[in-house]
Amino acid sequence: MVVYLAAAALIIVAAAGQEQELVLFYAVAVFVSFLVGLVAMARFARREQKPALAWINGLAAAAVAFTLLVSLWRGWPVLSMVATLLIAGGLYLRWSRAGRPTDIEDVEARAETA
């Protein structure tokens, strides 16, 4: 909780309390999530041999990537991207250390034994 409080304080100070600047920080985190989801859906559609869905998701991912880049171009929202990548990296490490479980039953079983 202290880490989240510190991160929130840093973002508010970096944005100088201006709500329009704060929206940019939020937008970066949201667009990163959208982008990762769309790329995953495009990959899944390719595996399922559904090229039309893969193209649609790929085009949507390109549009979101463009929007993300425009947001990052404004400067300070790069801090939001760094924080997002640090959190994602930490979650990836935890997932790797847990043996890379693939389904919810495996996750629940490992959580109960830990």
N, C-alpha and C. Protein backbone atom coordinates (compact mmCIF):
# COMPACT_ATOMS: atom_id res chain seq x y z
N MET A 1 0.82 -1.18 0.00
CA MET A 1 0.00 0.00 0.00
C MET A 1 0.87 1.26 0.00
N VAL A 2 1.98 1.19 0.70
CA VAL A 2 2.89 2.33 0.76
C VAL A 2 3.47 2.60 -0.63
N VAL A 3 3.75 1.53 -1.37
CA VAL A 3 4.29 1.68 -2.73
C VAL A 3 3.27 2.39 -3.62
N TYR A 4 2.01 1.99 -3.53
CA TYR A 4 0.97 2.64 -4.34
C TYR A 4 0.79 4.11 -3.94
N LEU A 5 0.86 4.37 -2.66
CA LEU A 5 0.75 5.75 -2.18
C LEU A 5 1.90 6.60 -2.72
N ALA A 6 3.10 6.04 -2.68
CA ALA A 6 4.27 6.77 -3.19
C ALA A 6 4.16 6.99 -4.70
N ALA A 7 3.71 5.97 -5.41
CA ALA A 7 3.54 6.10 -6.87
C ALA A 7 2.50 7.16 -7.20
N ALA A 8 1.40 7.14 -6.47
CA ALA A 8 0.34 8.13 -6.71
C ALA A 8 0.84 9.54 -6.41
N ALA A 9 1.57 9.69 -5.33
CA ALA A 9 2.12 11.00 -4.99
C ALA A 9 3.08 11.48 -6.06
N LEU A 10 3.93 10.59 -6.56
CA LEU A 10 4.88 10.95 -7.61
C LEU A 10 4.16 11.41 -8.88
N ILE A 11 3.10 10.70 -9.25
CA ILE A 11 2.34 11.06 -10.45
C ILE A 11 1.65 12.41 -10.27
N ILE A 12 1.07 12.64 -9.10
CA ILE A 12 0.39 13.92 -8.86
C ILE A 12 1.39 15.07 -8.88
N VAL A 13 2.56 14.87 -8.31
CA VAL A 13 3.59 15.91 -8.33
C VAL A 13 4.09 16.15 -9.75
N ALA A 14 4.33 15.05 -10.50
CA ALA A 14 4.81 15.18 -11.87
C ALA A 14 3.80 15.91 -12.75
N ALA A 15 2.51 15.70 -12.49
CA ALA A 15 1.46 16.35 -13.27
C ALA A 15 1.09 17.72 -12.70
N ALA A 16 1.74 18.12 -11.65
CA ALA A 16 1.48 19.41 -11.00
C ALA A 16 0.01 19.55 -10.61
N GLY A 17 -0.66 18.45 -10.34
CA GLY A 17 -2.06 18.49 -9.91
C GLY A 17 -3.04 18.88 -11.00
N GLN A 18 -2.59 19.01 -12.23
CA GLN A 18 -3.48 19.38 -13.33
C GLN A 18 -4.21 18.14 -13.83
N GLU A 19 -5.54 18.18 -13.80
CA GLU A 19 -6.32 16.98 -14.16
C GLU A 19 -6.09 16.54 -15.60
N GLN A 20 -5.85 17.47 -16.51
CA GLN A 20 -5.60 17.08 -17.90
C GLN A 20 -4.28 16.31 -18.02
N GLU A 21 -3.31 16.67 -17.23
CA GLU A 21 -2.04 15.93 -17.22
C GLU A 21 -2.23 14.57 -16.58
N LEU A 22 -3.03 14.52 -15.51
CA LEU A 22 -3.29 13.24 -14.84
C LEU A 22 -4.01 12.26 -15.76
N VAL A 23 -4.88 12.78 -16.61
CA VAL A 23 -5.59 11.93 -17.57
C VAL A 23 -4.60 11.26 -18.51
N LEU A 24 -3.55 11.97 -18.88
CA LEU A 24 -2.53 11.37 -19.75
C LEU A 24 -1.84 10.19 -19.07
N PHE A 25 -1.54 10.32 -17.78
CA PHE A 25 -0.93 9.21 -17.05
C PHE A 25 -1.86 7.99 -17.05
N TYR A 26 -3.13 8.25 -16.80
CA TYR A 26 -4.13 7.18 -16.79
C TYR A 26 -4.26 6.57 -18.18
N ALA A 27 -4.30 7.40 -19.21
CA ALA A 27 -4.48 6.92 -20.58
C ALA A 27 -3.36 5.99 -20.99
N VAL A 28 -2.14 6.30 -20.60
CA VAL A 28 -1.02 5.43 -20.97
C VAL A 28 -1.22 4.03 -20.39
N ALA A 29 -1.54 3.94 -19.12
CA ALA A 29 -1.75 2.63 -18.50
C ALA A 29 -2.90 1.88 -19.16
N VAL A 30 -3.98 2.58 -19.48
CA VAL A 30 -5.13 1.95 -20.11
C VAL A 30 -4.79 1.48 -21.52
N PHE A 31 -4.12 2.32 -22.29
CA PHE A 31 -3.80 1.94 -23.67
C PHE A 31 -2.78 0.82 -23.74
N VAL A 32 -1.88 0.73 -22.77
CA VAL A 32 -0.96 -0.41 -22.73
C VAL A 32 -1.77 -1.70 -22.54
N SER A 33 -2.73 -1.67 -21.63
CA SER A 33 -3.58 -2.85 -21.40
C SER A 33 -4.37 -3.21 -22.65
N PHE A 34 -4.97 -2.21 -23.29
CA PHE A 34 -5.71 -2.47 -24.54
C PHE A 34 -4.80 -3.07 -25.59
N LEU A 35 -3.61 -2.51 -25.74
CA LEU A 35 -2.68 -2.97 -26.77
C LEU A 35 -2.28 -4.43 -26.54
N VAL A 36 -1.92 -4.75 -25.32
CA VAL A 36 -1.54 -6.13 -25.01
C VAL A 36 -2.70 -7.08 -25.26
N GLY A 37 -3.91 -6.69 -24.87
CA GLY A 37 -5.08 -7.53 -25.10
C GLY A 37 -5.36 -7.75 -26.57
N LEU A 38 -5.27 -6.70 -27.36
CA LEU A 38 -5.52 -6.82 -28.80
C LEU A 38 -4.46 -7.68 -29.49
N VAL A 39 -3.21 -7.52 -29.10
CA VAL A 39 -2.15 -8.36 -29.67
C VAL A 39 -2.39 -9.82 -29.31
N ALA A 40 -2.79 -10.07 -28.08
CA ALA A 40 -3.08 -11.45 -27.65
C ALA A 40 -4.26 -12.02 -28.44
N MET A 41 -5.28 -11.20 -28.67
CA MET A 41 -6.44 -11.70 -29.43
C MET A 41 -6.06 -11.95 -30.89
N ALA A 42 -5.21 -11.12 -31.47
CA ALA A 42 -4.76 -11.34 -32.84
C ALA A 42 -3.95 -12.64 -32.92
N ARG A 43 -3.11 -12.85 -31.95
CA ARG A 43 -2.31 -14.09 -31.91
C ARG A 43 -3.21 -15.32 -31.77
N PHE A 44 -4.19 -15.21 -30.89
CA PHE A 44 -5.13 -16.32 -30.71
C PHE A 44 -5.90 -16.60 -31.99
N ALA A 45 -6.37 -15.54 -32.67
CA ALA A 45 -7.11 -15.72 -33.92
C ALA A 45 -6.24 -16.39 -34.98
N ARG A 46 -4.97 -16.04 -35.03
CA ARG A 46 -4.07 -16.70 -35.98
C ARG A 46 -3.92 -18.17 -35.66
N ARG A 47 -3.79 -18.50 -34.38
CA ARG A 47 -3.67 -19.91 -33.98
C ARG A 47 -4.94 -20.70 -34.33
N GLU A 48 -6.07 -20.03 -34.20
CA GLU A 48 -7.36 -20.68 -34.51
C GLU A 48 -7.68 -20.64 -36.00
N GLN A 49 -6.76 -20.13 -36.78
CA GLN A 49 -6.89 -20.03 -38.23
C GLN A 49 -8.12 -19.21 -38.64
N LYS A 50 -8.23 -18.05 -38.03
CA LYS A 50 -9.30 -17.10 -38.35
C LYS A 50 -8.63 -15.79 -38.80
N PRO A 51 -8.20 -15.76 -40.06
CA PRO A 51 -7.42 -14.60 -40.52
C PRO A 51 -8.18 -13.28 -40.47
N ALA A 52 -9.47 -13.29 -40.71
CA ALA A 52 -10.24 -12.03 -40.68
C ALA A 52 -10.19 -11.42 -39.28
N LEU A 53 -10.39 -12.24 -38.25
CA LEU A 53 -10.33 -11.74 -36.88
C LEU A 53 -8.91 -11.29 -36.51
N ALA A 54 -7.93 -12.02 -37.01
CA ALA A 54 -6.54 -11.64 -36.75
C ALA A 54 -6.25 -10.26 -37.35
N TRP A 55 -6.73 -10.00 -38.57
CA TRP A 55 -6.54 -8.70 -39.21
C TRP A 55 -7.25 -7.58 -38.46
N ILE A 56 -8.48 -7.84 -38.06
CA ILE A 56 -9.25 -6.82 -37.33
C ILE A 56 -8.54 -6.46 -36.02
N ASN A 57 -8.12 -7.48 -35.30
CA ASN A 57 -7.42 -7.22 -34.03
C ASN A 57 -6.07 -6.57 -34.27
N GLY A 58 -5.40 -6.94 -35.34
CA GLY A 58 -4.13 -6.32 -35.68
C GLY A 58 -4.29 -4.84 -36.02
N LEU A 59 -5.32 -4.52 -36.80
CA LEU A 59 -5.58 -3.11 -37.14
C LEU A 59 -5.95 -2.31 -35.90
N ALA A 60 -6.76 -2.90 -35.04
CA ALA A 60 -7.13 -2.21 -33.79
C ALA A 60 -5.89 -2.01 -32.92
N ALA A 61 -5.01 -3.01 -32.88
CA ALA A 61 -3.77 -2.87 -32.10
C ALA A 61 -2.90 -1.75 -32.66
N ALA A 62 -2.85 -1.62 -33.98
CA ALA A 62 -2.08 -0.54 -34.59
C ALA A 62 -2.65 0.83 -34.21
N ALA A 63 -3.98 0.95 -34.21
CA ALA A 63 -4.61 2.21 -33.84
C ALA A 63 -4.34 2.56 -32.37
N VAL A 64 -4.42 1.56 -31.51
CA VAL A 64 -4.15 1.79 -30.08
C VAL A 64 -2.67 2.13 -29.88
N ALA A 65 -1.78 1.46 -30.60
CA ALA A 65 -0.35 1.75 -30.49
C ALA A 65 -0.06 3.20 -30.90
N PHE A 66 -0.72 3.65 -31.97
CA PHE A 66 -0.55 5.04 -32.40
C PHE A 66 -1.02 6.01 -31.31
N THR A 67 -2.18 5.73 -30.75
CA THR A 67 -2.72 6.59 -29.69
C THR A 67 -1.78 6.60 -28.48
N LEU A 68 -1.24 5.44 -28.14
CA LEU A 68 -0.30 5.34 -27.03
C LEU A 68 0.96 6.17 -27.30
N LEU A 69 1.47 6.08 -28.51
CA LEU A 69 2.67 6.86 -28.86
C LEU A 69 2.41 8.36 -28.79
N VAL A 70 1.23 8.78 -29.24
CA VAL A 70 0.88 10.20 -29.16
C VAL A 70 0.84 10.65 -27.70
N SER A 71 0.28 9.82 -26.84
CA SER A 71 0.22 10.16 -25.41
C SER A 71 1.63 10.23 -24.81
N LEU A 72 2.48 9.28 -25.20
CA LEU A 72 3.85 9.26 -24.66
C LEU A 72 4.67 10.43 -25.18
N TRP A 73 4.35 10.91 -26.37
CA TRP A 73 5.07 12.02 -26.98
C TRP A 73 5.01 13.28 -26.12
N ARG A 74 4.01 13.37 -25.27
CA ARG A 74 3.81 14.58 -24.47
C ARG A 74 4.76 14.67 -23.28
N GLY A 75 5.59 13.68 -23.08
CA GLY A 75 6.65 13.78 -22.07
C GLY A 75 6.43 13.01 -20.79
N TRP A 76 5.83 13.65 -19.80
CA TRP A 76 5.70 13.07 -18.47
C TRP A 76 4.96 11.74 -18.42
N PRO A 77 4.00 11.46 -19.29
CA PRO A 77 3.34 10.16 -19.22
C PRO A 77 4.28 8.97 -19.41
N VAL A 78 5.51 9.22 -19.83
CA VAL A 78 6.49 8.13 -19.93
C VAL A 78 6.69 7.49 -18.55
N LEU A 79 6.56 8.29 -17.48
CA LEU A 79 6.65 7.72 -16.13
C LEU A 79 5.58 6.66 -15.90
N SER A 80 4.40 6.90 -16.43
CA SER A 80 3.33 5.92 -16.31
C SER A 80 3.68 4.64 -17.05
N MET A 81 4.31 4.79 -18.21
CA MET A 81 4.73 3.62 -18.99
C MET A 81 5.80 2.84 -18.23
N VAL A 82 6.74 3.54 -17.62
CA VAL A 82 7.79 2.88 -16.85
C VAL A 82 7.18 2.12 -15.67
N ALA A 83 6.25 2.76 -14.97
CA ALA A 83 5.59 2.09 -13.84
C ALA A 83 4.82 0.87 -14.31
N THR A 84 4.12 1.00 -15.44
CA THR A 84 3.36 -0.13 -15.99
C THR A 84 4.28 -1.29 -16.33
N LEU A 85 5.41 -1.00 -16.96
CA LEU A 85 6.36 -2.05 -17.32
C LEU A 85 7.01 -2.68 -16.10
N LEU A 86 7.29 -1.89 -15.06
CA LEU A 86 7.84 -2.45 -13.83
C LEU A 86 6.86 -3.40 -13.15
N ILE A 87 5.60 -3.00 -13.10
CA ILE A 87 4.57 -3.86 -12.50
C ILE A 87 4.40 -5.13 -13.32
N ALA A 88 4.35 -4.99 -14.65
CA ALA A 88 4.21 -6.16 -15.52
C ALA A 88 5.41 -7.10 -15.35
N GLY A 89 6.60 -6.53 -15.25
CA GLY A 89 7.79 -7.36 -15.05
C GLY A 89 7.74 -8.11 -13.73
N GLY A 90 7.30 -7.44 -12.69
CA GLY A 90 7.16 -8.10 -11.39
C GLY A 90 6.14 -9.22 -11.41
N LEU A 91 5.02 -8.98 -12.06
CA LEU A 91 4.00 -10.04 -12.17
C LEU A 91 4.52 -11.21 -13.01
N TYR A 92 5.26 -10.90 -14.07
CA TYR A 92 5.82 -11.97 -14.90
C TYR A 92 6.80 -12.83 -14.10
N LEU A 93 7.64 -12.19 -13.28
CA LEU A 93 8.58 -12.94 -12.45
C LEU A 93 7.84 -13.85 -11.47
N ARG A 94 6.78 -13.33 -10.86
CA ARG A 94 6.00 -14.16 -9.92
C ARG A 94 5.37 -15.35 -10.63
N TRP A 95 4.85 -15.11 -11.85
CA TRP A 95 4.24 -16.18 -12.63
C TRP A 95 5.29 -17.23 -13.01
N SER A 96 6.48 -16.77 -13.39
CA SER A 96 7.56 -17.69 -13.76
C SER A 96 7.99 -18.52 -12.56
N ARG A 97 8.14 -17.86 -11.41
CA ARG A 97 8.55 -18.58 -10.20
C ARG A 97 7.50 -19.58 -9.73
N ALA A 98 6.23 -19.33 -10.09
CA ALA A 98 5.16 -20.25 -9.72
C ALA A 98 5.07 -21.43 -10.67
N GLY A 99 5.99 -21.52 -11.63
CA GLY A 99 5.98 -22.64 -12.56
C GLY A 99 5.15 -22.38 -13.80
N ARG A 100 4.81 -21.14 -14.07
CA ARG A 100 4.02 -20.74 -15.23
C ARG A 100 2.70 -21.52 -15.36
N PRO A 101 1.87 -21.44 -14.34
CA PRO A 101 0.57 -22.14 -14.41
C PRO A 101 -0.25 -21.63 -15.59
N THR A 102 -1.02 -22.55 -16.19
CA THR A 102 -1.74 -22.19 -17.41
C THR A 102 -3.24 -22.09 -17.25
N ASP A 103 -3.81 -22.64 -16.20
CA ASP A 103 -5.25 -22.52 -16.04
C ASP A 103 -5.60 -22.20 -14.60
N ILE A 104 -6.81 -21.78 -14.39
CA ILE A 104 -7.22 -21.28 -13.08
C ILE A 104 -7.17 -22.37 -12.01
N GLU A 105 -7.46 -23.61 -12.38
CA GLU A 105 -7.41 -24.68 -11.39
C GLU A 105 -5.99 -24.87 -10.87
N ASP A 106 -5.01 -24.79 -11.78
CA ASP A 106 -3.61 -24.93 -11.38
C ASP A 106 -3.21 -23.77 -10.47
N VAL A 107 -3.66 -22.57 -10.78
CA VAL A 107 -3.33 -21.40 -9.95
C VAL A 107 -3.93 -21.56 -8.57
N GLU A 108 -5.20 -22.00 -8.50
CA GLU A 108 -5.85 -22.19 -7.20
C GLU A 108 -5.16 -23.27 -6.39
N ALA A 109 -4.77 -24.37 -7.03
CA ALA A 109 -4.10 -25.46 -6.31
C ALA A 109 -2.76 -25.00 -5.75
N ARG A 110 -2.02 -24.26 -6.54
CA ARG A 110 -0.72 -23.77 -6.07
C ARG A 110 -0.89 -22.75 -4.95
N ALA A 111 -1.91 -21.93 -5.04
CA ALA A 111 -2.16 -20.90 -4.01
C ALA A 111 -2.53 -21.55 -2.68
N GLU A 112 -3.28 -22.66 -2.73
CA GLU A 112 -3.68 -23.33 -1.50
C GLU A 112 -2.53 -24.06 -0.82
N THR A 113 -1.55 -24.52 -1.61
CA THR A 113 -0.42 -25.23 -1.01
C THR A 113 0.68 -24.28 -0.54
N ALA A 114 0.61 -23.02 -0.97
CA ALA A 114 1.68 -22.07 -0.61
C ALA A 114 1.46 -21.48 0.76
